[in-house]
Amino acid sequence: MTRVEVQRLTLPPGFEAGPHTHPGPVVCYVTEGRIRFQVKGQPARYYTAGQTIFEPASTPIERFDNDSSSAPATFIATYLLGDQDTELLRRLQ
């Protein structure tokens, strides 16, 4: 990894990210709400404010969803990237 990008992201109520991967690992710190997270082949887990989510590099993420239908979920994502990484997220079919 040769660079780091940090973003504060807010998922609207009921938001579902859909299956995706990242070129490098991502560490997410939840600041508000409840997020349902699932790596392909593993059970879903739930994270709330103060907890950290680890998304491994090049691994299918099945769910990264706002678990609430009425409140937003906010997190700070830290992307660990290489020089050749041009996108932060790749959507899967």
N, C-alpha and C. Protein backbone atom coordinates (compact mmCIF):
# COMPACT_ATOMS: atom_id res chain seq x y z
N MET A 1 0.84 -1.17 0.00
CA MET A 1 0.00 0.00 0.00
C MET A 1 0.89 1.25 0.00
N THR A 2 0.50 2.18 -0.84
CA THR A 2 1.33 3.38 -0.96
C THR A 2 0.57 4.67 -0.68
N ARG A 3 -0.75 4.57 -0.52
CA ARG A 3 -1.52 5.78 -0.21
C ARG A 3 -2.77 5.42 0.57
N VAL A 4 -3.30 6.42 1.23
CA VAL A 4 -4.49 6.25 2.07
C VAL A 4 -5.50 7.31 1.67
N GLU A 5 -6.75 6.91 1.58
CA GLU A 5 -7.84 7.87 1.35
C GLU A 5 -8.87 7.68 2.45
N VAL A 6 -9.34 8.78 3.02
CA VAL A 6 -10.31 8.72 4.11
C VAL A 6 -11.55 9.49 3.69
N GLN A 7 -12.72 8.88 3.90
CA GLN A 7 -14.00 9.53 3.56
C GLN A 7 -14.99 9.33 4.69
N ARG A 8 -15.80 10.35 4.93
CA ARG A 8 -16.94 10.23 5.84
C ARG A 8 -18.16 10.00 4.96
N LEU A 9 -18.86 8.88 5.17
CA LEU A 9 -19.98 8.51 4.32
C LEU A 9 -21.23 8.31 5.15
N THR A 10 -22.36 8.73 4.60
CA THR A 10 -23.65 8.55 5.26
C THR A 10 -24.55 7.73 4.35
N LEU A 11 -25.08 6.64 4.91
CA LEU A 11 -26.02 5.79 4.19
C LEU A 11 -27.43 6.21 4.57
N PRO A 12 -28.28 6.54 3.60
CA PRO A 12 -29.65 6.92 3.93
C PRO A 12 -30.42 5.73 4.50
N PRO A 13 -31.54 5.98 5.17
CA PRO A 13 -32.35 4.89 5.72
C PRO A 13 -32.64 3.82 4.66
N GLY A 14 -32.45 2.56 5.03
CA GLY A 14 -32.76 1.44 4.15
C GLY A 14 -31.76 1.19 3.03
N PHE A 15 -30.67 1.95 2.97
CA PHE A 15 -29.70 1.82 1.88
C PHE A 15 -29.04 0.45 1.88
N GLU A 16 -28.91 -0.15 0.67
CA GLU A 16 -28.21 -1.42 0.48
C GLU A 16 -27.12 -1.22 -0.56
N ALA A 17 -25.87 -1.46 -0.18
CA ALA A 17 -24.74 -1.20 -1.07
C ALA A 17 -24.66 -2.21 -2.21
N GLY A 18 -25.13 -3.42 -2.00
CA GLY A 18 -25.02 -4.45 -3.03
C GLY A 18 -23.63 -5.07 -3.03
N PRO A 19 -23.48 -6.22 -3.68
CA PRO A 19 -22.20 -6.92 -3.69
C PRO A 19 -21.10 -6.08 -4.34
N HIS A 20 -19.92 -6.08 -3.71
CA HIS A 20 -18.81 -5.29 -4.21
C HIS A 20 -17.48 -5.81 -3.65
N THR A 21 -16.39 -5.28 -4.19
CA THR A 21 -15.05 -5.54 -3.67
C THR A 21 -14.30 -4.21 -3.60
N HIS A 22 -13.16 -4.25 -2.94
CA HIS A 22 -12.25 -3.10 -2.88
C HIS A 22 -10.86 -3.57 -3.29
N PRO A 23 -10.06 -2.74 -3.96
CA PRO A 23 -8.73 -3.17 -4.39
C PRO A 23 -7.76 -3.39 -3.23
N GLY A 24 -7.96 -2.66 -2.16
CA GLY A 24 -7.14 -2.80 -0.96
C GLY A 24 -8.04 -2.91 0.24
N PRO A 25 -7.49 -3.22 1.40
CA PRO A 25 -8.33 -3.32 2.59
C PRO A 25 -8.94 -1.97 2.97
N VAL A 26 -10.10 -2.05 3.62
CA VAL A 26 -10.81 -0.86 4.08
C VAL A 26 -11.16 -1.06 5.55
N VAL A 27 -10.88 -0.03 6.35
CA VAL A 27 -11.26 -0.04 7.76
C VAL A 27 -12.31 1.05 7.94
N CYS A 28 -13.47 0.67 8.48
CA CYS A 28 -14.59 1.60 8.65
C CYS A 28 -14.92 1.75 10.13
N TYR A 29 -15.01 2.98 10.59
CA TYR A 29 -15.38 3.29 11.96
C TYR A 29 -16.80 3.85 11.95
N VAL A 30 -17.72 3.14 12.57
CA VAL A 30 -19.13 3.56 12.59
C VAL A 30 -19.30 4.69 13.61
N THR A 31 -19.88 5.80 13.17
CA THR A 31 -20.10 6.94 14.07
C THR A 31 -21.56 7.14 14.44
N GLU A 32 -22.45 6.55 13.63
CA GLU A 32 -23.89 6.73 13.89
C GLU A 32 -24.67 5.61 13.21
N GLY A 33 -25.70 5.11 13.86
CA GLY A 33 -26.59 4.13 13.25
C GLY A 33 -26.13 2.70 13.44
N ARG A 34 -26.70 1.83 12.61
CA ARG A 34 -26.42 0.39 12.68
C ARG A 34 -26.23 -0.13 11.25
N ILE A 35 -25.11 -0.80 11.02
CA ILE A 35 -24.76 -1.30 9.70
C ILE A 35 -24.75 -2.83 9.71
N ARG A 36 -25.39 -3.41 8.72
CA ARG A 36 -25.36 -4.86 8.52
C ARG A 36 -24.27 -5.13 7.49
N PHE A 37 -23.30 -5.97 7.87
CA PHE A 37 -22.12 -6.24 7.05
C PHE A 37 -21.97 -7.74 6.86
N GLN A 38 -21.65 -8.16 5.63
CA GLN A 38 -21.48 -9.59 5.38
C GLN A 38 -20.44 -9.82 4.29
N VAL A 39 -19.41 -10.59 4.64
CA VAL A 39 -18.44 -11.07 3.67
C VAL A 39 -19.02 -12.33 3.05
N LYS A 40 -18.84 -12.52 1.76
CA LYS A 40 -19.39 -13.70 1.07
C LYS A 40 -18.96 -14.98 1.79
N GLY A 41 -19.95 -15.85 2.04
CA GLY A 41 -19.69 -17.14 2.68
C GLY A 41 -19.67 -17.10 4.20
N GLN A 42 -19.87 -15.92 4.78
CA GLN A 42 -19.88 -15.77 6.23
C GLN A 42 -21.23 -15.21 6.68
N PRO A 43 -21.57 -15.41 7.95
CA PRO A 43 -22.84 -14.85 8.43
C PRO A 43 -22.78 -13.32 8.51
N ALA A 44 -23.94 -12.69 8.40
CA ALA A 44 -24.02 -11.23 8.55
C ALA A 44 -23.72 -10.85 9.99
N ARG A 45 -23.09 -9.69 10.15
CA ARG A 45 -22.81 -9.14 11.47
C ARG A 45 -23.34 -7.71 11.50
N TYR A 46 -23.60 -7.22 12.70
CA TYR A 46 -24.16 -5.88 12.88
C TYR A 46 -23.19 -5.03 13.68
N TYR A 47 -23.02 -3.79 13.24
CA TYR A 47 -22.08 -2.86 13.87
C TYR A 47 -22.80 -1.56 14.18
N THR A 48 -22.48 -0.99 15.34
CA THR A 48 -23.08 0.27 15.78
C THR A 48 -21.98 1.27 16.12
N ALA A 49 -22.38 2.49 16.48
CA ALA A 49 -21.44 3.57 16.77
C ALA A 49 -20.35 3.11 17.72
N GLY A 50 -19.11 3.41 17.36
CA GLY A 50 -17.95 3.06 18.16
C GLY A 50 -17.29 1.76 17.75
N GLN A 51 -17.91 1.02 16.83
CA GLN A 51 -17.33 -0.24 16.38
C GLN A 51 -16.65 -0.07 15.03
N THR A 52 -15.71 -0.99 14.75
CA THR A 52 -14.92 -0.94 13.52
C THR A 52 -15.21 -2.16 12.65
N ILE A 53 -15.33 -1.92 11.36
CA ILE A 53 -15.57 -2.96 10.36
C ILE A 53 -14.32 -3.08 9.50
N PHE A 54 -13.87 -4.32 9.25
CA PHE A 54 -12.73 -4.56 8.36
C PHE A 54 -13.22 -5.23 7.09
N GLU A 55 -12.95 -4.59 5.94
CA GLU A 55 -13.28 -5.16 4.64
C GLU A 55 -11.96 -5.60 3.98
N PRO A 56 -11.75 -6.91 3.85
CA PRO A 56 -10.50 -7.38 3.25
C PRO A 56 -10.40 -7.04 1.77
N ALA A 57 -9.19 -6.88 1.28
CA ALA A 57 -8.95 -6.55 -0.13
C ALA A 57 -9.41 -7.68 -1.04
N SER A 58 -9.96 -7.29 -2.18
CA SER A 58 -10.33 -8.22 -3.25
C SER A 58 -11.23 -9.37 -2.80
N THR A 59 -12.03 -9.13 -1.79
CA THR A 59 -12.93 -10.14 -1.23
C THR A 59 -14.37 -9.68 -1.44
N PRO A 60 -15.24 -10.53 -1.99
CA PRO A 60 -16.62 -10.11 -2.19
C PRO A 60 -17.33 -9.76 -0.87
N ILE A 61 -17.86 -8.57 -0.84
CA ILE A 61 -18.67 -8.10 0.28
C ILE A 61 -20.12 -8.21 -0.18
N GLU A 62 -20.90 -9.05 0.48
CA GLU A 62 -22.29 -9.27 0.08
C GLU A 62 -23.21 -8.16 0.57
N ARG A 63 -22.95 -7.67 1.78
CA ARG A 63 -23.83 -6.65 2.37
C ARG A 63 -23.00 -5.59 3.10
N PHE A 64 -23.35 -4.36 2.86
CA PHE A 64 -22.89 -3.21 3.66
C PHE A 64 -24.09 -2.28 3.63
N ASP A 65 -25.04 -2.54 4.53
CA ASP A 65 -26.36 -1.91 4.47
C ASP A 65 -26.67 -1.12 5.73
N ASN A 66 -27.46 -0.07 5.56
CA ASN A 66 -28.03 0.62 6.71
C ASN A 66 -29.17 -0.26 7.22
N ASP A 67 -29.06 -0.72 8.45
CA ASP A 67 -30.05 -1.65 9.01
C ASP A 67 -31.33 -0.96 9.46
N SER A 68 -31.38 0.37 9.38
CA SER A 68 -32.57 1.11 9.81
C SER A 68 -33.36 1.62 8.60
N SER A 69 -34.67 1.55 8.71
CA SER A 69 -35.52 2.09 7.65
C SER A 69 -35.92 3.54 7.94
N SER A 70 -35.45 4.08 9.09
CA SER A 70 -35.88 5.44 9.45
C SER A 70 -34.75 6.40 9.82
N ALA A 71 -33.52 5.89 10.02
CA ALA A 71 -32.42 6.77 10.43
C ALA A 71 -31.18 6.50 9.58
N PRO A 72 -30.36 7.53 9.35
CA PRO A 72 -29.13 7.32 8.57
C PRO A 72 -28.09 6.53 9.38
N ALA A 73 -27.11 6.00 8.68
CA ALA A 73 -25.94 5.37 9.30
C ALA A 73 -24.71 6.06 8.72
N THR A 74 -23.79 6.46 9.59
CA THR A 74 -22.60 7.19 9.15
C THR A 74 -21.35 6.46 9.61
N PHE A 75 -20.33 6.48 8.75
CA PHE A 75 -19.07 5.84 9.09
C PHE A 75 -17.92 6.58 8.41
N ILE A 76 -16.72 6.38 8.95
CA ILE A 76 -15.51 6.93 8.36
C ILE A 76 -14.75 5.75 7.76
N ALA A 77 -14.53 5.79 6.44
CA ALA A 77 -13.86 4.71 5.73
C ALA A 77 -12.42 5.12 5.44
N THR A 78 -11.48 4.24 5.80
CA THR A 78 -10.07 4.44 5.50
C THR A 78 -9.66 3.38 4.49
N TYR A 79 -9.36 3.82 3.27
CA TYR A 79 -8.99 2.94 2.17
C TYR A 79 -7.47 2.89 2.07
N LEU A 80 -6.90 1.69 2.09
CA LEU A 80 -5.46 1.49 1.92
C LEU A 80 -5.24 1.06 0.47
N LEU A 81 -4.55 1.90 -0.29
CA LEU A 81 -4.49 1.74 -1.74
C LEU A 81 -3.07 1.67 -2.26
N GLY A 82 -2.94 1.08 -3.44
CA GLY A 82 -1.67 1.07 -4.15
C GLY A 82 -1.65 2.17 -5.20
N ASP A 83 -0.49 2.40 -5.80
CA ASP A 83 -0.36 3.43 -6.83
C ASP A 83 -1.27 3.21 -8.02
N GLN A 84 -1.53 1.95 -8.36
CA GLN A 84 -2.33 1.62 -9.55
C GLN A 84 -3.83 1.61 -9.29
N ASP A 85 -4.26 1.72 -8.04
CA ASP A 85 -5.69 1.68 -7.71
C ASP A 85 -6.35 2.99 -8.10
N THR A 86 -7.29 2.90 -9.07
CA THR A 86 -7.96 4.10 -9.55
C THR A 86 -9.39 4.22 -9.03
N GLU A 87 -9.96 3.11 -8.57
CA GLU A 87 -11.32 3.16 -8.03
C GLU A 87 -11.31 2.59 -6.62
N LEU A 88 -12.22 3.08 -5.80
CA LEU A 88 -12.29 2.63 -4.40
C LEU A 88 -13.16 1.40 -4.25
N LEU A 89 -14.14 1.23 -5.17
CA LEU A 89 -15.12 0.16 -5.04
C LEU A 89 -15.46 -0.38 -6.43
N ARG A 90 -15.59 -1.70 -6.52
CA ARG A 90 -16.03 -2.32 -7.76
C ARG A 90 -17.30 -3.10 -7.50
N ARG A 91 -18.37 -2.74 -8.19
CA ARG A 91 -19.66 -3.44 -8.01
C ARG A 91 -19.60 -4.80 -8.70
N LEU A 92 -20.23 -5.78 -8.04
CA LEU A 92 -20.32 -7.14 -8.58
C LEU A 92 -21.74 -7.40 -9.03
N GLN A 93 -21.92 -8.31 -9.94
CA GLN A 93 -23.26 -8.68 -10.43
C GLN A 93 -24.00 -9.50 -9.41
